[in-house]
Amino acid sequence: MTSTADSAMVTTSTDDEGVVEVVVDRPPVNALPVAGWHRLAEAITAAGADPATRVVVLRAQGRGFNAGVDIKEIQADPGHDKLIGANRGCFAAFAAVYDCPVPVIAAVQGFCLGGGIGLAGNADIIVASEDATFGLPEVDRGALGAATHLSRLVPAHRARAMLYTAATATAAELHHYGSVLAVVAAADLRATALTLARQIAAKDPTVIRAAKESLNGIDPWDVKRSYRYEQGFTFELNLSGVADRVRDGFGGSTGASREG
């Protein structure tokens, strides 16, 4: 097995069967700064561009899959450069997952919030640990974003209720809907994802790449355009000062993302 580090936050490894693991590790909650989102996008794009790659497994170390953007980085910026960077970084990472020429399997443990929903929602297949929870706490942070991707995971009215209330859904619930393929013990999550990846990797790679392209081609909506539309409201809420007022009232910057 060969291994290269794309950064301290995102690492990539490849096995002899063409399965690439892209791993996020940014303690304590895998909330990524602007550079981290762009590095994640670069890692996934590079994996898909390699003709030897047959499947990508996207996973994370630690107690949660992803908690969105690094709010503290954004709040420390006196202007809006970090907010713009976070929006562009999330857009790039979500698009990299969706546009990857080979299937992307998301292995989700613990919390999957904000930007985590964007990654999982654009993945081809999701496997999750029994403790996994999925949600968009954006309204409690004065932001919006990734409802596009949540709507790929749960039915429309459930997505609306989750967005308005900031409630989470369990992996078992998403398995019931069919958006999560399997729910397993946390200790078995990586092995489950790799077993599935190797099953796909054993297929003809040209056919699998054609299948991915064809599925994207018949998708009922444009996930990139709809997500970009959502991002406009996040900018509006921030520029108007509403986002700061909501965050101050909610109690600060702990937890999840300012923008999904």
C-alpha atoms as a PDB file:
ATOM      1  CA  MET A   1       0.000   0.000   0.000  1.00  0.00           C
ATOM      2  CA  THR A   2       1.206   3.501  -0.809  1.00  0.00           C
ATOM      3  CA  SER A   3       0.343   6.570   1.218  1.00  0.00           C
ATOM      4  CA  THR A   4       0.660  10.301   0.631  1.00  0.00           C
ATOM      5  CA  ALA A   5      -0.377  13.151   2.911  1.00  0.00           C
ATOM      6  CA  ASP A   6      -2.325  15.902   1.207  1.00  0.00           C
ATOM      7  CA  SER A   7      -2.143  17.833   4.478  1.00  0.00           C
ATOM      8  CA  ALA A   8      -2.262  17.167   8.191  1.00  0.00           C
ATOM      9  CA  MET A   9      -6.062  17.360   7.896  1.00  0.00           C
ATOM     10  CA  VAL A  10      -6.630  15.221   4.813  1.00  0.00           C
ATOM     11  CA  THR A  11      -4.672  12.092   3.928  1.00  0.00           C
ATOM     12  CA  THR A  12      -4.967   9.739   0.989  1.00  0.00           C
ATOM     13  CA  SER A  13      -3.971   6.095   0.674  1.00  0.00           C
ATOM     14  CA  THR A  14      -4.389   3.602  -2.165  1.00  0.00           C
ATOM     15  CA  ASP A  15      -4.415  -0.184  -2.096  1.00  0.00           C
ATOM     16  CA  ASP A  16      -3.528  -2.649  -4.835  1.00  0.00           C
ATOM     17  CA  GLU A  17      -7.173  -3.041  -5.866  1.00  0.00           C
ATOM     18  CA  GLY A  18      -7.659   0.609  -6.782  1.00  0.00           C
ATOM     19  CA  VAL A  19      -9.548   1.573  -3.628  1.00  0.00           C
ATOM     20  CA  VAL A  20      -8.548   5.049  -2.462  1.00  0.00           C
ATOM     21  CA  GLU A  21      -9.245   6.120   1.110  1.00  0.00           C
ATOM     22  CA  VAL A  22      -9.526   9.856   1.726  1.00  0.00           C
ATOM     23  CA  VAL A  23      -9.452  10.472   5.465  1.00  0.00           C
ATOM     24  CA  VAL A  24     -10.267  13.691   7.319  1.00  0.00           C
ATOM     25  CA  ASP A  25      -8.641  14.126  10.723  1.00  0.00           C
ATOM     26  CA  ARG A  26      -8.974  17.550  12.314  1.00  0.00           C
ATOM     27  CA  PRO A  27      -9.632  17.326  16.068  1.00  0.00           C
ATOM     28  CA  PRO A  28     -11.696  17.914  18.004  1.00  0.00           C
ATOM     29  CA  VAL A  29     -14.787  17.680  15.755  1.00  0.00           C
ATOM     30  CA  ASN A  30     -13.527  17.596  12.148  1.00  0.00           C
ATOM     31  CA  ALA A  31     -14.766  21.124  11.477  1.00  0.00           C
ATOM     32  CA  LEU A  32     -12.620  22.223   8.548  1.00  0.00           C
ATOM     33  CA  PRO A  33     -11.057  25.625   7.929  1.00  0.00           C
ATOM     34  CA  VAL A  34     -11.079  27.153   4.460  1.00  0.00           C
ATOM     35  CA  ALA A  35      -7.805  25.462   3.488  1.00  0.00           C
ATOM     36  CA  GLY A  36      -9.100  22.119   4.697  1.00  0.00           C
ATOM     37  CA  TRP A  37     -12.173  22.209   2.468  1.00  0.00           C
ATOM     38  CA  HIS A  38     -10.045  23.024  -0.559  1.00  0.00           C
ATOM     39  CA  ARG A  39      -7.534  20.304   0.285  1.00  0.00           C
ATOM     40  CA  LEU A  40     -10.355  17.798   0.615  1.00  0.00           C
ATOM     41  CA  ALA A  41     -11.664  18.827  -2.799  1.00  0.00           C
ATOM     42  CA  GLU A  42      -8.172  18.475  -4.269  1.00  0.00           C
ATOM     43  CA  ALA A  43      -7.681  15.028  -2.738  1.00  0.00           C
ATOM     44  CA  ILE A  44     -10.947  13.662  -4.104  1.00  0.00           C
ATOM     45  CA  THR A  45     -10.391  15.249  -7.515  1.00  0.00           C
ATOM     46  CA  ALA A  46      -6.872  13.814  -7.727  1.00  0.00           C
ATOM     47  CA  ALA A  47      -8.125  10.372  -6.773  1.00  0.00           C
ATOM     48  CA  GLY A  48     -10.784  10.412  -9.462  1.00  0.00           C
ATOM     49  CA  ALA A  49      -8.334  11.694 -12.086  1.00  0.00           C
ATOM     50  CA  ASP A  50      -6.053   8.696 -11.591  1.00  0.00           C
ATOM     51  CA  PRO A  51      -7.069   5.971 -14.077  1.00  0.00           C
ATOM     52  CA  ALA A  52      -5.993   3.338 -11.552  1.00  0.00           C
ATOM     53  CA  THR A  53      -8.641   4.480  -9.061  1.00  0.00           C
ATOM     54  CA  ARG A  54     -11.776   2.383  -9.043  1.00  0.00           C
ATOM     55  CA  VAL A  55     -13.562   3.521  -5.872  1.00  0.00           C
ATOM     56  CA  VAL A  56     -13.081   6.275  -3.293  1.00  0.00           C
ATOM     57  CA  VAL A  57     -13.916   5.761   0.384  1.00  0.00           C
ATOM     58  CA  LEU A  58     -14.391   9.047   2.238  1.00  0.00           C
ATOM     59  CA  ARG A  59     -14.154   8.702   6.007  1.00  0.00           C
ATOM     60  CA  ALA A  60     -12.926  10.494   9.108  1.00  0.00           C
ATOM     61  CA  GLN A  61     -11.010   9.843  12.276  1.00  0.00           C
ATOM     62  CA  GLY A  62     -12.339  10.729  15.693  1.00  0.00           C
ATOM     63  CA  ARG A  63     -15.787  10.838  17.203  1.00  0.00           C
ATOM     64  CA  GLY A  64     -17.587  12.405  14.270  1.00  0.00           C
ATOM     65  CA  PHE A  65     -17.589  12.430  10.474  1.00  0.00           C
ATOM     66  CA  ASN A  66     -17.766  16.186   9.967  1.00  0.00           C
ATOM     67  CA  ALA A  67     -19.081  19.207  11.887  1.00  0.00           C
ATOM     68  CA  GLY A  68     -19.009  21.681   9.019  1.00  0.00           C
ATOM     69  CA  VAL A  69     -16.829  24.753   8.769  1.00  0.00           C
ATOM     70  CA  ASP A  70     -14.522  26.202  11.392  1.00  0.00           C
ATOM     71  CA  ILE A  71     -16.679  28.986  12.826  1.00  0.00           C
ATOM     72  CA  LYS A  72     -13.880  30.423  14.917  1.00  0.00           C
ATOM     73  CA  GLU A  73     -11.803  31.016  11.790  1.00  0.00           C
ATOM     74  CA  ILE A  74     -14.669  32.934  10.216  1.00  0.00           C
ATOM     75  CA  GLN A  75     -15.473  34.950  13.320  1.00  0.00           C
ATOM     76  CA  ALA A  76     -11.832  35.954  13.706  1.00  0.00           C
ATOM     77  CA  ASP A  77     -11.898  37.567  10.256  1.00  0.00           C
ATOM     78  CA  PRO A  78     -12.868  41.261  10.498  1.00  0.00           C
ATOM     79  CA  GLY A  79     -14.115  41.173   6.924  1.00  0.00           C
ATOM     80  CA  HIS A  80     -15.834  38.523   4.851  1.00  0.00           C
ATOM     81  CA  ASP A  81     -12.869  36.804   3.198  1.00  0.00           C
ATOM     82  CA  LYS A  82     -13.108  33.688   5.366  1.00  0.00           C
ATOM     83  CA  LEU A  83     -16.866  33.444   4.900  1.00  0.00           C
ATOM     84  CA  ILE A  84     -16.428  33.646   1.134  1.00  0.00           C
ATOM     85  CA  GLY A  85     -13.580  31.140   1.350  1.00  0.00           C
ATOM     86  CA  ALA A  86     -15.648  28.707   3.398  1.00  0.00           C
ATOM     87  CA  ASN A  87     -18.529  28.936   0.949  1.00  0.00           C
ATOM     88  CA  ARG A  88     -16.228  28.333  -1.998  1.00  0.00           C
ATOM     89  CA  GLY A  89     -14.377  25.560  -0.191  1.00  0.00           C
ATOM     90  CA  CYS A  90     -17.565  23.717   0.696  1.00  0.00           C
ATOM     91  CA  PHE A  91     -18.853  24.137  -2.845  1.00  0.00           C
ATOM     92  CA  ALA A  92     -15.599  22.719  -4.225  1.00  0.00           C
ATOM     93  CA  ALA A  93     -15.550  19.744  -1.863  1.00  0.00           C
ATOM     94  CA  PHE A  94     -19.197  18.836  -2.413  1.00  0.00           C
ATOM     95  CA  ALA A  95     -18.755  19.150  -6.176  1.00  0.00           C
ATOM     96  CA  ALA A  96     -15.610  17.008  -6.082  1.00  0.00           C
ATOM     97  CA  VAL A  97     -17.568  14.191  -4.458  1.00  0.00           C
ATOM     98  CA  TYR A  98     -20.428  14.491  -6.928  1.00  0.00           C
ATOM     99  CA  ASP A  99     -18.215  14.865 -10.010  1.00  0.00           C
ATOM    100  CA  CYS A 100     -15.712  12.172  -9.051  1.00  0.00           C
ATOM    101  CA  PRO A 101     -15.596   9.816 -12.069  1.00  0.00           C
ATOM    102  CA  VAL A 102     -15.752   6.748  -9.808  1.00  0.00           C
ATOM    103  CA  PRO A 103     -18.190   5.895  -7.008  1.00  0.00           C
ATOM    104  CA  VAL A 104     -17.608   7.607  -3.665  1.00  0.00           C
ATOM    105  CA  ILE A 105     -18.580   5.722  -0.511  1.00  0.00           C
ATOM    106  CA  ALA A 106     -19.059   7.864   2.601  1.00  0.00           C
ATOM    107  CA  ALA A 107     -18.377   6.043   5.876  1.00  0.00           C
ATOM    108  CA  VAL A 108     -20.127   8.114   8.533  1.00  0.00           C
ATOM    109  CA  GLN A 109     -19.643   7.825  12.286  1.00  0.00           C
ATOM    110  CA  GLY A 110     -20.906  10.003  15.099  1.00  0.00           C
ATOM    111  CA  PHE A 111     -22.132  13.415  14.027  1.00  0.00           C
ATOM    112  CA  CYS A 112     -22.628  14.419  10.402  1.00  0.00           C
ATOM    113  CA  LEU A 113     -23.573  18.101  10.484  1.00  0.00           C
ATOM    114  CA  GLY A 114     -23.602  21.062   8.107  1.00  0.00           C
ATOM    115  CA  GLY A 115     -20.829  20.448   5.623  1.00  0.00           C
ATOM    116  CA  GLY A 116     -20.898  16.763   6.511  1.00  0.00           C
ATOM    117  CA  ILE A 117     -24.398  16.603   5.041  1.00  0.00           C
ATOM    118  CA  GLY A 118     -23.059  18.117   1.821  1.00  0.00           C
ATOM    119  CA  LEU A 119     -20.367  15.446   1.562  1.00  0.00           C
ATOM    120  CA  ALA A 120     -22.597  12.513   2.464  1.00  0.00           C
ATOM    121  CA  GLY A 121     -25.529  13.779   0.421  1.00  0.00           C
ATOM    122  CA  ASN A 122     -23.390  13.948  -2.723  1.00  0.00           C
ATOM    123  CA  ALA A 123     -21.777  10.545  -2.146  1.00  0.00           C
ATOM    124  CA  ASP A 124     -22.890   7.562  -4.207  1.00  0.00           C
ATOM    125  CA  ILE A 125     -23.277   5.244  -1.220  1.00  0.00           C
ATOM    126  CA  ILE A 126     -23.397   5.813   2.536  1.00  0.00           C
ATOM    127  CA  VAL A 127     -22.599   3.326   5.271  1.00  0.00           C
ATOM    128  CA  ALA A 128     -22.944   4.503   8.843  1.00  0.00           C
ATOM    129  CA  SER A 129     -22.192   3.467  12.385  1.00  0.00           C
ATOM    130  CA  GLU A 130     -25.002   2.864  14.833  1.00  0.00           C
ATOM    131  CA  ASP A 131     -24.240   6.124  16.639  1.00  0.00           C
ATOM    132  CA  ALA A 132     -24.319   8.285  13.511  1.00  0.00           C
ATOM    133  CA  THR A 133     -26.655  11.272  13.440  1.00  0.00           C
ATOM    134  CA  PHE A 134     -27.358  13.614  10.543  1.00  0.00           C
ATOM    135  CA  GLY A 135     -28.501  17.215  10.713  1.00  0.00           C
ATOM    136  CA  LEU A 136     -28.349  20.853   9.650  1.00  0.00           C
ATOM    137  CA  PRO A 137     -28.088  23.186  12.664  1.00  0.00           C
ATOM    138  CA  GLU A 138     -27.636  26.133  10.305  1.00  0.00           C
ATOM    139  CA  VAL A 139     -30.697  28.149  11.370  1.00  0.00           C
ATOM    140  CA  ASP A 140     -29.374  28.211  14.934  1.00  0.00           C
ATOM    141  CA  ARG A 141     -26.203  29.815  13.533  1.00  0.00           C
ATOM    142  CA  GLY A 142     -27.935  32.374  11.346  1.00  0.00           C
ATOM    143  CA  ALA A 143     -27.032  30.546   8.143  1.00  0.00           C
ATOM    144  CA  LEU A 144     -28.419  28.286   5.457  1.00  0.00           C
ATOM    145  CA  GLY A 145     -26.949  25.690   3.144  1.00  0.00           C
ATOM    146  CA  ALA A 146     -26.894  21.959   2.285  1.00  0.00           C
ATOM    147  CA  ALA A 147     -30.671  21.529   2.296  1.00  0.00           C
ATOM    148  CA  THR A 148     -29.988  20.463  -1.280  1.00  0.00           C
ATOM    149  CA  HIS A 149     -28.033  17.509   0.047  1.00  0.00           C
ATOM    150  CA  LEU A 150     -30.276  16.765   3.028  1.00  0.00           C
ATOM    151  CA  SER A 151     -33.147  16.399   0.564  1.00  0.00           C
ATOM    152  CA  ARG A 152     -31.212  13.539  -1.041  1.00  0.00           C
ATOM    153  CA  LEU A 153     -31.111  11.753   2.310  1.00  0.00           C
ATOM    154  CA  VAL A 154     -34.607  12.181   3.724  1.00  0.00           C
ATOM    155  CA  PRO A 155     -38.089  12.851   2.282  1.00  0.00           C
ATOM    156  CA  ALA A 156     -38.940  16.449   1.476  1.00  0.00           C
ATOM    157  CA  HIS A 157     -41.179  17.212   4.441  1.00  0.00           C
ATOM    158  CA  ARG A 158     -38.801  15.557   6.876  1.00  0.00           C
ATOM    159  CA  ALA A 159     -36.005  17.699   5.440  1.00  0.00           C
ATOM    160  CA  ARG A 160     -38.057  20.848   5.959  1.00  0.00           C
ATOM    161  CA  ALA A 161     -38.821  19.925   9.561  1.00  0.00           C
ATOM    162  CA  MET A 162     -35.153  19.140  10.224  1.00  0.00           C
ATOM    163  CA  LEU A 163     -34.041  22.447   8.720  1.00  0.00           C
ATOM    164  CA  TYR A 164     -36.587  24.559  10.642  1.00  0.00           C
ATOM    165  CA  THR A 165     -35.996  22.850  14.004  1.00  0.00           C
ATOM    166  CA  ALA A 166     -32.294  21.897  13.672  1.00  0.00           C
ATOM    167  CA  ALA A 167     -33.308  18.357  14.678  1.00  0.00           C
ATOM    168  CA  THR A 168     -31.142  15.393  13.735  1.00  0.00           C
ATOM    169  CA  ALA A 169     -32.000  12.037  12.189  1.00  0.00           C
ATOM    170  CA  THR A 170     -30.421   8.741  13.133  1.00  0.00           C
ATOM    171  CA  ALA A 171     -28.588   6.362  10.845  1.00  0.00           C
ATOM    172  CA  ALA A 172     -31.391   3.849  11.438  1.00  0.00           C
ATOM    173  CA  GLU A 173     -33.946   6.371  10.158  1.00  0.00           C
ATOM    174  CA  LEU A 174     -31.922   7.047   7.020  1.00  0.00           C
ATOM    175  CA  HIS A 175     -31.501   3.308   6.508  1.00  0.00           C
ATOM    176  CA  HIS A 176     -35.291   3.042   6.632  1.00  0.00           C
ATOM    177  CA  TYR A 177     -35.503   5.673   3.888  1.00  0.00           C
ATOM    178  CA  GLY A 178     -32.894   3.796   1.845  1.00  0.00           C
ATOM    179  CA  SER A 179     -30.317   6.592   1.737  1.00  0.00           C
ATOM    180  CA  VAL A 180     -27.981   4.767   4.126  1.00  0.00           C
ATOM    181  CA  LEU A 181     -27.107   1.357   2.747  1.00  0.00           C
ATOM    182  CA  ALA A 182     -26.004  -0.281   5.988  1.00  0.00           C
ATOM    183  CA  VAL A 183     -25.802   0.528   9.691  1.00  0.00           C
ATOM    184  CA  VAL A 184     -23.050  -1.282  11.555  1.00  0.00           C
ATOM    185  CA  ALA A 185     -21.113  -1.162  14.802  1.00  0.00           C
ATOM    186  CA  ALA A 186     -18.578   1.647  14.885  1.00  0.00           C
ATOM    187  CA  ALA A 187     -15.743  -0.863  15.073  1.00  0.00           C
ATOM    188  CA  ASP A 188     -16.911  -2.424  11.796  1.00  0.00           C
ATOM    189  CA  LEU A 189     -17.505   0.778   9.818  1.00  0.00           C
ATOM    190  CA  ARG A 190     -14.218   0.997   7.933  1.00  0.00           C
ATOM    191  CA  ALA A 191     -14.179  -2.723   7.131  1.00  0.00           C
ATOM    192  CA  THR A 192     -17.762  -2.543   5.867  1.00  0.00           C
ATOM    193  CA  ALA A 193     -16.941   0.386   3.588  1.00  0.00           C
ATOM    194  CA  LEU A 194     -13.810  -1.308   2.251  1.00  0.00           C
ATOM    195  CA  THR A 195     -15.608  -4.592   1.606  1.00  0.00           C
ATOM    196  CA  LEU A 196     -18.226  -2.765  -0.433  1.00  0.00           C
ATOM    197  CA  ALA A 197     -15.542  -0.752  -2.222  1.00  0.00           C
ATOM    198  CA  ARG A 198     -13.656  -3.883  -3.214  1.00  0.00           C
ATOM    199  CA  GLN A 199     -16.845  -5.460  -4.502  1.00  0.00           C
ATOM    200  CA  ILE A 200     -17.271  -2.475  -6.833  1.00  0.00           C
ATOM    201  CA  ALA A 201     -13.561  -2.345  -7.661  1.00  0.00           C
ATOM    202  CA  ALA A 202     -13.763  -5.916  -8.947  1.00  0.00           C
ATOM    203  CA  LYS A 203     -16.132  -4.801 -11.718  1.00  0.00           C
ATOM    204  CA  ASP A 204     -14.964  -3.578 -15.106  1.00  0.00           C
ATOM    205  CA  PRO A 205     -13.634  -0.049 -14.413  1.00  0.00           C
ATOM    206  CA  THR A 206     -14.786   1.373 -17.735  1.00  0.00           C
ATOM    207  CA  VAL A 207     -18.323   0.192 -17.089  1.00  0.00           C
ATOM    208  CA  ILE A 208     -18.330   1.567 -13.544  1.00  0.00           C
ATOM    209  CA  ARG A 209     -17.100   4.976 -14.694  1.00  0.00           C
ATOM    210  CA  ALA A 210     -19.764   4.997 -17.396  1.00  0.00           C
ATOM    211  CA  ALA A 211     -22.366   4.069 -14.797  1.00  0.00           C
ATOM    212  CA  LYS A 212     -21.335   6.974 -12.569  1.00  0.00           C
ATOM    213  CA  GLU A 213     -21.455   9.434 -15.443  1.00  0.00           C
ATOM    214  CA  SER A 214     -24.819   8.133 -16.606  1.00  0.00           C
ATOM    215  CA  LEU A 215     -26.350   8.375 -13.115  1.00  0.00           C
ATOM    216  CA  ASN A 216     -25.197  11.978 -12.765  1.00  0.00           C
ATOM    217  CA  GLY A 217     -26.604  12.686 -16.201  1.00  0.00           C
ATOM    218  CA  ILE A 218     -30.105  11.552 -15.220  1.00  0.00           C
ATOM    219  CA  ASP A 219     -30.124  13.214 -11.789  1.00  0.00           C
ATOM    220  CA  PRO A 220     -33.472  15.021 -11.351  1.00  0.00           C
ATOM    221  CA  TRP A 221     -31.854  18.274 -10.179  1.00  0.00           C
ATOM    222  CA  ASP A 222     -28.613  20.170 -10.455  1.00  0.00           C
ATOM    223  CA  VAL A 223     -27.070  19.844  -6.994  1.00  0.00           C
ATOM    224  CA  LYS A 224     -24.398  22.443  -7.644  1.00  0.00           C
ATOM    225  CA  ARG A 225     -26.752  25.138  -8.881  1.00  0.00           C
ATOM    226  CA  SER A 226     -29.308  24.552  -6.110  1.00  0.00           C
ATOM    227  CA  TYR A 227     -26.613  24.614  -3.429  1.00  0.00           C
ATOM    228  CA  ARG A 228     -25.151  27.825  -4.839  1.00  0.00           C
ATOM    229  CA  TYR A 229     -28.643  29.330  -4.656  1.00  0.00           C
ATOM    230  CA  GLU A 230     -28.806  28.429  -0.962  1.00  0.00           C
ATOM    231  CA  GLN A 231     -25.421  30.007  -0.335  1.00  0.00           C
ATOM    232  CA  GLY A 232     -26.769  33.354  -1.494  1.00  0.00           C
ATOM    233  CA  PHE A 233     -29.054  33.467   1.529  1.00  0.00           C
ATOM    234  CA  THR A 234     -26.126  32.771   3.856  1.00  0.00           C
ATOM    235  CA  PHE A 235     -24.319  35.787   2.403  1.00  0.00           C
ATOM    236  CA  GLU A 236     -27.462  37.886   2.770  1.00  0.00           C
ATOM    237  CA  LEU A 237     -27.930  36.916   6.433  1.00  0.00           C
ATOM    238  CA  ASN A 238     -24.298  37.684   7.211  1.00  0.00           C
ATOM    239  CA  LEU A 239     -24.121  40.981   5.354  1.00  0.00           C
ATOM    240  CA  SER A 240     -27.322  42.204   7.004  1.00  0.00           C
ATOM    241  CA  GLY A 241     -25.994  41.452  10.481  1.00  0.00           C
ATOM    242  CA  VAL A 242     -28.766  38.949  11.211  1.00  0.00           C
ATOM    243  CA  ALA A 243     -26.332  36.032  11.436  1.00  0.00           C
ATOM    244  CA  ASP A 244     -24.278  37.741  14.160  1.00  0.00           C
ATOM    245  CA  ARG A 245     -27.417  38.541  16.152  1.00  0.00           C
ATOM    246  CA  VAL A 246     -28.657  34.947  15.936  1.00  0.00           C
ATOM    247  CA  ARG A 247     -25.304  33.489  16.926  1.00  0.00           C
ATOM    248  CA  ASP A 248     -24.963  35.890  19.845  1.00  0.00           C
ATOM    249  CA  GLY A 249     -28.422  34.915  21.050  1.00  0.00           C
ATOM    250  CA  PHE A 250     -27.774  31.220  20.625  1.00  0.00           C
ATOM    251  CA  GLY A 251     -24.641  31.309  22.737  1.00  0.00           C
ATOM    252  CA  GLY A 252     -21.563  31.467  20.567  1.00  0.00           C
ATOM    253  CA  SER A 253     -19.645  29.316  18.177  1.00  0.00           C
ATOM    254  CA  THR A 254     -19.566  25.841  19.687  1.00  0.00           C
ATOM    255  CA  GLY A 255     -20.838  22.877  17.750  1.00  0.00           C
ATOM    256  CA  ALA A 256     -21.639  22.959  14.111  1.00  0.00           C
ATOM    257  CA  SER A 257     -21.090  25.002  11.046  1.00  0.00           C
ATOM    258  CA  ARG A 258     -21.824  28.611  10.272  1.00  0.00           C
ATOM    259  CA  GLU A 259     -22.485  27.536   6.742  1.00  0.00           C
ATOM    260  CA  GLY A 260     -23.033  24.045   5.361  1.00  0.00           C
END
